Amino acid sequence: MGQTVRLTASFKLSGQVPEGLFSAYHKTLTGLLEYASEKGITSFKRLRAEKYRELREKYPNLPSHYLYTACQMASIATHKGRIRLRLLHGTYHEKFRGMKAGEAWLVKSEDGYYLKVAFSKTVETAELNGKAIAVDVNENNVSFGTMERVMNVETKERAIRTAYFLKRRRLQSKPRLNEKLLLAKYRGRERRRIEDIYHKVAKEIVAEAIEAGASVVVLEDIKNIRKRIRYSRALNGRLNRWGFRRFQKILEYKARLAGLKVAYVDPRGTSSLCPTCGGKLSPNGHRGVRCPKCGLEEDRDVLAVRNLLGRYQMYVGTSPVHPEGPPMKGGGKT
């Protein structure tokens, strides 16, 4: 059985891109907006029905998707057909060989032009064998493993994000002429640094899953945690800067590319309940916990991983296990 993996990649382009790519789009879009305003049209279907044929006659060499998506970003197609664009990422694009390229669009940014391309690939899915690897995501570390072995990787994400937050706050407290450029530079550095950590940790988790012979990666369903956050302003801000969902999305697509299934389970209580007897855990040192009922002593992250695995095994094939999440897009637990 196969599953389709979809993701969007961004490639920086070399040199200048003909402005005609944007002028044709701008001219088409402006005309559509003026017509819609004049006629009081708010429906995309109606606007397309009334103007599409006229635009096809006016621009016979443009592909149909260019006109269908005039309200989106500019297409890479031109009046003269398609153009060849040179990429700057070196061998980065080689990783997408063998994948099917879908919709592509050109983006004009402050530091140049980027080509965004939607890729898809059908991969063979591993048969369910009862083995799974669970992942517990925290602000400064990620714990993952099986019932037999749990590993911990320190990401230091909280420290990195806090450092860049303080840099931006100091910059904003003393405005200067190039403030916007500096803020953009710091945001870019922070994003690239964190994304690099995410990709490395996700790669390590997938490798561990394959080595352990697991067929499923179990993740925490924590996508709505920000709605439940009601702490101090400082702590709320810190948790809202945490990119746990982005990490999960990266791990999702890497796992699927490796033929693994992905399941989401409710994480409530996984760090505070004993996986052996279900008793309430008590603090026992920095990250340690102890169960007063059965005497189990362990690191809270290790127990969280085991609880996630137990919860998945308990409910596999029934309602509490959430279906696989959507394909990768572009974003809390304490």
Protein backbone atom coordinates (compact mmCIF):
# COMPACT_ATOMS: atom_id res chain seq x y z
CA MET A 1 0.00 0.00 0.00
CA GLY A 2 1.29 3.46 -0.85
CA GLN A 3 0.78 6.97 0.48
CA THR A 4 1.27 10.30 -1.25
CA VAL A 5 3.66 12.76 0.39
CA ARG A 6 3.26 16.43 -0.50
CA LEU A 7 5.49 19.36 0.37
CA THR A 8 6.39 22.80 -0.89
CA ALA A 9 10.00 23.78 -1.49
CA SER A 10 11.47 27.26 -1.97
CA PHE A 11 14.41 27.91 -4.31
CA LYS A 12 16.29 31.20 -4.52
CA LEU A 13 16.88 32.28 -8.11
CA SER A 14 20.09 33.60 -9.62
CA GLY A 15 20.17 36.93 -11.47
CA GLN A 16 17.31 39.13 -12.51
CA VAL A 17 13.87 37.87 -13.42
CA PRO A 18 12.06 39.67 -16.28
CA GLU A 19 9.63 42.22 -14.87
CA GLY A 20 7.19 41.10 -17.57
CA LEU A 21 6.40 38.13 -15.38
CA PHE A 22 4.87 40.48 -12.84
CA SER A 23 3.54 43.17 -15.19
CA ALA A 24 1.33 40.69 -17.07
CA TYR A 25 -0.01 39.35 -13.80
CA HIS A 26 -0.55 42.86 -12.39
CA LYS A 27 -2.33 44.02 -15.54
CA THR A 28 -4.62 40.99 -15.58
CA LEU A 29 -5.40 41.20 -11.89
CA THR A 30 -6.04 44.95 -11.98
CA GLY A 31 -8.50 44.53 -14.83
CA LEU A 32 -10.34 41.77 -12.98
CA LEU A 33 -10.55 43.83 -9.80
CA GLU A 34 -11.89 46.88 -11.62
CA TYR A 35 -14.51 44.79 -13.43
CA ALA A 36 -15.59 43.05 -10.20
CA SER A 37 -15.89 46.37 -8.39
CA GLU A 38 -17.91 47.94 -11.18
CA LYS A 39 -20.31 44.97 -11.42
CA GLY A 40 -20.46 44.32 -7.66
CA ILE A 41 -19.14 40.79 -8.10
CA THR A 42 -17.93 38.97 -4.97
CA SER A 43 -18.06 35.40 -6.29
CA PHE A 44 -14.90 33.99 -7.83
CA LYS A 45 -16.93 31.53 -9.91
CA ARG A 46 -19.04 34.33 -11.40
CA LEU A 47 -16.00 36.48 -12.19
CA ARG A 48 -14.27 33.58 -13.89
CA ALA A 49 -17.40 32.71 -15.85
CA GLU A 50 -17.78 36.27 -17.17
CA LYS A 51 -14.13 37.14 -17.88
CA TYR A 52 -12.23 33.93 -18.55
CA ARG A 53 -13.21 33.57 -22.23
CA GLU A 54 -12.39 37.23 -22.87
CA LEU A 55 -8.97 36.84 -21.25
CA ARG A 56 -8.28 33.70 -23.27
CA GLU A 57 -8.88 35.65 -26.48
CA LYS A 58 -6.78 38.57 -25.25
CA TYR A 59 -3.88 36.38 -24.10
CA PRO A 60 -4.04 33.26 -26.31
CA ASN A 61 -0.49 32.17 -25.45
CA LEU A 62 -1.00 32.15 -21.70
CA PRO A 63 -1.75 28.74 -20.14
CA SER A 64 -5.22 28.39 -18.63
CA HIS A 65 -4.00 28.08 -15.03
CA TYR A 66 -2.44 31.56 -15.26
CA LEU A 67 -5.86 33.12 -15.79
CA TYR A 68 -7.67 30.79 -13.40
CA THR A 69 -5.34 31.85 -10.59
CA ALA A 70 -4.89 35.52 -11.45
CA CYS A 71 -5.76 36.42 -7.87
CA GLN A 72 -2.84 34.34 -6.64
CA MET A 73 0.87 34.90 -7.11
CA ALA A 74 2.39 35.26 -10.55
CA SER A 75 2.88 32.14 -12.62
CA ILE A 76 6.27 31.24 -14.07
CA ALA A 77 4.71 31.30 -17.55
CA THR A 78 5.10 34.29 -19.90
CA HIS A 79 3.53 35.47 -23.16
CA LYS A 80 6.33 33.78 -25.07
CA GLY A 81 6.02 30.49 -23.25
CA ARG A 82 8.15 29.14 -20.41
CA ILE A 83 11.53 30.42 -19.34
CA ARG A 84 14.49 28.66 -17.77
CA LEU A 85 15.41 29.89 -14.30
CA ARG A 86 18.75 29.19 -12.60
CA LEU A 87 18.71 28.23 -8.93
CA LEU A 88 21.19 29.33 -6.26
CA HIS A 89 20.82 26.50 -3.75
CA GLY A 90 23.54 24.33 -5.23
CA THR A 91 22.66 20.68 -4.68
CA TYR A 92 19.58 21.45 -2.54
CA HIS A 93 17.23 20.80 -5.45
CA GLU A 94 18.75 17.36 -6.08
CA LYS A 95 16.79 15.92 -3.13
CA PHE A 96 13.56 16.45 -5.10
CA ARG A 97 14.61 14.30 -8.05
CA GLY A 98 12.09 11.53 -8.55
CA MET A 99 9.27 13.63 -7.10
CA LYS A 100 6.44 14.96 -9.22
CA ALA A 101 6.42 18.75 -9.57
CA GLY A 102 3.01 20.40 -9.41
CA GLU A 103 2.00 24.04 -9.16
CA ALA A 104 4.85 26.57 -9.12
CA TRP A 105 4.81 30.29 -8.47
CA LEU A 106 7.30 33.11 -8.37
CA VAL A 107 7.74 35.25 -5.26
CA LYS A 108 9.47 38.62 -5.16
CA SER A 109 11.22 39.22 -1.84
CA GLU A 110 13.48 41.92 -0.38
CA ASP A 111 16.57 39.80 -1.05
CA GLY A 112 15.63 38.57 -4.52
CA TYR A 113 13.33 36.16 -6.31
CA TYR A 114 12.20 32.77 -5.08
CA LEU A 115 10.54 29.95 -6.94
CA LYS A 116 8.12 27.93 -4.83
CA VAL A 117 7.20 24.50 -6.13
CA ALA A 118 4.69 21.96 -4.82
CA PHE A 119 6.11 18.42 -4.99
CA SER A 120 4.44 15.06 -4.45
CA LYS A 121 5.66 11.47 -4.32
CA THR A 122 3.98 8.13 -3.74
CA VAL A 123 5.92 5.89 -1.37
CA GLU A 124 5.31 2.35 -0.18
CA THR A 125 3.96 2.26 3.37
CA ALA A 126 5.31 -0.20 5.89
CA GLU A 127 2.84 -2.82 7.08
CA LEU A 128 1.63 -2.31 10.65
CA ASN A 129 3.69 -4.63 12.83
CA GLY A 130 2.69 -3.50 16.33
CA LYS A 131 5.95 -1.57 16.80
CA ALA A 132 5.91 2.20 17.25
CA ILE A 133 8.19 5.04 18.28
CA ALA A 134 6.76 7.97 20.26
CA VAL A 135 7.97 11.57 20.31
CA ASP A 136 7.62 13.97 23.25
CA VAL A 137 8.31 17.59 22.24
CA ASN A 138 9.45 20.17 24.79
CA GLU A 139 10.79 23.71 24.61
CA ASN A 140 14.43 22.75 25.06
CA ASN A 141 14.53 19.07 24.15
CA VAL A 142 12.86 16.28 22.22
CA SER A 143 12.54 12.79 23.69
CA PHE A 144 11.73 9.78 21.52
CA GLY A 145 11.97 6.04 21.55
CA THR A 146 10.32 2.69 22.23
CA MET A 147 9.38 0.98 25.48
CA GLU A 148 12.88 -0.52 25.58
CA ARG A 149 14.96 2.57 24.78
CA VAL A 150 14.26 6.31 25.02
CA MET A 151 16.65 8.94 23.68
CA ASN A 152 16.80 12.65 24.46
CA VAL A 153 18.10 15.41 22.16
CA GLU A 154 18.71 18.88 23.56
CA THR A 155 17.56 21.54 21.07
CA LYS A 156 18.08 24.69 23.22
CA GLU A 157 15.22 26.24 21.25
CA ARG A 158 13.99 28.34 24.18
CA ALA A 159 17.42 29.92 24.70
CA ILE A 160 17.83 30.66 20.99
CA ARG A 161 14.39 32.22 20.59
CA THR A 162 14.76 34.25 23.80
CA ALA A 163 18.13 35.62 22.66
CA TYR A 164 16.71 36.81 19.32
CA PHE A 165 13.60 38.20 21.03
CA LEU A 166 15.79 40.32 23.32
CA LYS A 167 17.87 41.50 20.35
CA ARG A 168 14.74 42.66 18.52
CA ARG A 169 13.35 44.35 21.63
CA ARG A 170 16.59 46.28 22.20
CA LEU A 171 16.60 47.34 18.57
CA GLN A 172 12.99 48.53 18.72
CA SER A 173 13.64 50.50 21.91
CA LYS A 174 16.15 52.70 20.05
CA PRO A 175 14.75 53.27 16.53
CA ARG A 176 17.27 53.78 13.72
CA LEU A 177 17.20 54.24 9.95
CA ASN A 178 17.90 50.60 9.08
CA GLU A 179 15.69 49.15 11.82
CA LYS A 180 13.42 47.18 9.46
CA LEU A 181 16.36 45.62 7.64
CA LEU A 182 18.00 44.56 10.90
CA LEU A 183 14.76 43.13 12.24
CA ALA A 184 14.28 41.14 9.04
CA LYS A 185 17.88 39.90 9.25
CA TYR A 186 17.42 38.69 12.84
CA ARG A 187 14.12 36.99 11.98
CA GLY A 188 15.76 35.21 9.07
CA ARG A 189 18.72 34.06 11.17
CA GLU A 190 16.45 32.79 13.92
CA ARG A 191 14.23 30.91 11.46
CA ARG A 192 17.14 29.28 9.64
CA ARG A 193 18.86 28.26 12.87
CA ILE A 194 15.73 26.69 14.34
CA GLU A 195 14.76 24.99 11.07
CA ASP A 196 18.22 23.43 10.84
CA ILE A 197 17.78 21.96 14.32
CA TYR A 198 14.30 20.67 13.46
CA HIS A 199 15.49 18.89 10.33
CA LYS A 200 18.46 17.27 12.09
CA VAL A 201 16.37 16.02 15.02
CA ALA A 202 13.60 14.76 12.71
CA LYS A 203 16.17 12.89 10.63
CA GLU A 204 17.57 11.26 13.80
CA ILE A 205 14.08 10.20 14.92
CA VAL A 206 13.25 8.60 11.57
CA ALA A 207 16.59 6.76 11.58
CA GLU A 208 15.86 5.44 15.07
CA ALA A 209 12.38 4.33 14.01
CA ILE A 210 13.81 2.40 11.06
CA GLU A 211 16.51 0.81 13.22
CA ALA A 212 13.90 -0.24 15.80
CA GLY A 213 11.72 -1.74 13.07
CA ALA A 214 8.81 0.56 13.94
CA SER A 215 6.00 1.12 11.46
CA VAL A 216 4.34 4.09 13.22
CA VAL A 217 5.56 7.41 14.62
CA VAL A 218 3.33 8.55 17.48
CA LEU A 219 3.04 12.31 18.00
CA GLU A 220 1.22 14.48 20.53
CA ASP A 221 -1.97 16.18 19.40
CA ILE A 222 -1.05 19.60 20.83
CA LYS A 223 -2.12 21.84 17.97
CA ASN A 224 -4.67 23.81 20.06
CA ILE A 225 -2.55 24.26 23.17
CA ARG A 226 -2.13 28.00 22.63
CA LYS A 227 -5.85 28.45 23.12
CA ARG A 228 -5.50 26.84 26.54
CA ILE A 229 -2.49 28.90 27.67
CA ARG A 230 -3.41 31.23 30.52
CA TYR A 231 -0.19 32.00 32.32
CA SER A 232 1.83 35.17 32.85
CA ARG A 233 2.43 37.52 29.95
CA ALA A 234 6.11 36.56 29.80
CA LEU A 235 5.40 32.82 29.80
CA ASN A 236 2.60 33.18 27.27
CA GLY A 237 4.94 35.07 24.95
CA ARG A 238 7.63 32.44 25.33
CA LEU A 239 5.25 29.59 24.55
CA ASN A 240 3.81 31.43 21.56
CA ARG A 241 7.31 31.75 20.09
CA TRP A 242 7.77 27.98 20.35
CA GLY A 243 7.47 26.30 16.94
CA PHE A 244 6.33 22.83 18.05
CA ARG A 245 3.87 22.41 15.15
CA ARG A 246 6.51 23.30 12.59
CA PHE A 247 8.75 20.60 14.02
CA GLN A 248 5.92 18.07 13.89
CA LYS A 249 5.22 18.93 10.25
CA ILE A 250 8.86 18.44 9.31
CA LEU A 251 8.95 15.12 11.18
CA GLU A 252 5.67 14.09 9.50
CA TYR A 253 6.89 14.45 5.96
CA LYS A 254 10.28 12.84 6.71
CA ALA A 255 8.53 9.89 8.33
CA ARG A 256 6.14 9.47 5.42
CA LEU A 257 8.96 9.67 2.89
CA ALA A 258 10.52 6.75 4.79
CA GLY A 259 7.25 4.79 4.46
CA LEU A 260 6.22 5.20 8.11
CA LYS A 261 2.71 5.96 9.30
CA VAL A 262 2.00 8.90 11.61
CA ALA A 263 -0.57 8.87 14.42
CA TYR A 264 -1.62 11.60 16.86
CA VAL A 265 -2.79 10.85 20.39
CA ASP A 266 -4.06 12.99 23.25
CA PRO A 267 -1.00 13.94 25.38
CA ARG A 268 -2.87 15.04 28.50
CA GLY A 269 -1.35 13.55 31.62
CA THR A 270 1.49 11.77 29.83
CA SER A 271 4.10 13.65 31.89
CA SER A 272 2.25 13.40 35.19
CA LEU A 273 0.88 9.83 35.30
CA CYS A 274 2.75 6.61 36.01
CA PRO A 275 2.84 4.32 32.93
CA THR A 276 2.94 1.26 35.22
CA CYS A 277 0.08 1.82 37.66
CA GLY A 278 -1.52 5.07 36.49
CA GLY A 279 -0.77 6.86 39.75
CA LYS A 280 -0.07 10.59 40.03
CA LEU A 281 3.66 11.29 39.79
CA SER A 282 5.50 13.50 42.26
CA PRO A 283 8.56 15.72 41.56
CA ASN A 284 11.85 13.99 42.31
CA GLY A 285 14.68 16.33 41.38
CA HIS A 286 15.18 18.56 38.32
CA ARG A 287 13.43 16.50 35.64
CA GLY A 288 12.88 13.39 37.70
CA VAL A 289 9.54 12.09 38.99
CA ARG A 290 8.49 9.34 41.39
CA CYS A 291 5.29 7.33 41.73
CA PRO A 292 4.14 7.13 45.39
CA LYS A 293 2.02 4.04 44.62
CA CYS A 294 4.52 1.71 42.94
CA GLY A 295 7.81 3.47 43.67
CA LEU A 296 8.83 3.95 40.03
CA GLU A 297 11.51 6.65 39.59
CA GLU A 298 12.40 8.00 36.19
CA ASP A 299 12.92 11.10 34.05
CA ARG A 300 9.57 12.72 33.23
CA ASP A 301 10.34 12.84 29.49
CA VAL A 302 11.10 9.12 29.41
CA LEU A 303 7.79 8.37 31.11
CA ALA A 304 5.99 10.73 28.70
CA VAL A 305 7.31 8.71 25.75
CA ARG A 306 6.21 5.44 27.36
CA ASN A 307 2.78 6.88 28.19
CA LEU A 308 2.33 8.01 24.58
CA LEU A 309 3.22 4.53 23.34
CA GLY A 310 0.86 2.94 25.85
CA ARG A 311 -1.94 5.28 24.85
CA TYR A 312 -1.42 4.49 21.17
CA GLN A 313 -1.29 0.73 21.77
CA MET A 314 -4.41 0.90 23.96
CA TYR A 315 -6.50 2.73 21.41
CA VAL A 316 -5.03 1.56 18.11
CA GLY A 317 -7.86 0.90 15.71
CA THR A 318 -10.41 2.79 17.84
CA SER A 319 -11.54 6.40 18.08
CA PRO A 320 -9.03 8.11 20.48
CA VAL A 321 -6.18 7.83 17.97
CA HIS A 322 -6.41 10.75 15.60
CA PRO A 323 -5.90 10.17 11.86
CA GLU A 324 -2.73 11.19 10.15
CA GLY A 325 -2.29 14.94 9.92
CA PRO A 326 -2.42 16.91 6.67
CA PRO A 327 0.58 17.12 4.29
CA MET A 328 3.48 19.50 5.28
CA LYS A 329 2.85 23.17 5.26
CA GLY A 330 4.32 25.77 6.73
CA GLY A 331 3.64 25.57 13.57
CA GLY A 332 2.50 23.84 22.70
CA LYS A 333 3.13 21.85 25.64
CA THR A 334 5.16 22.93 28.64
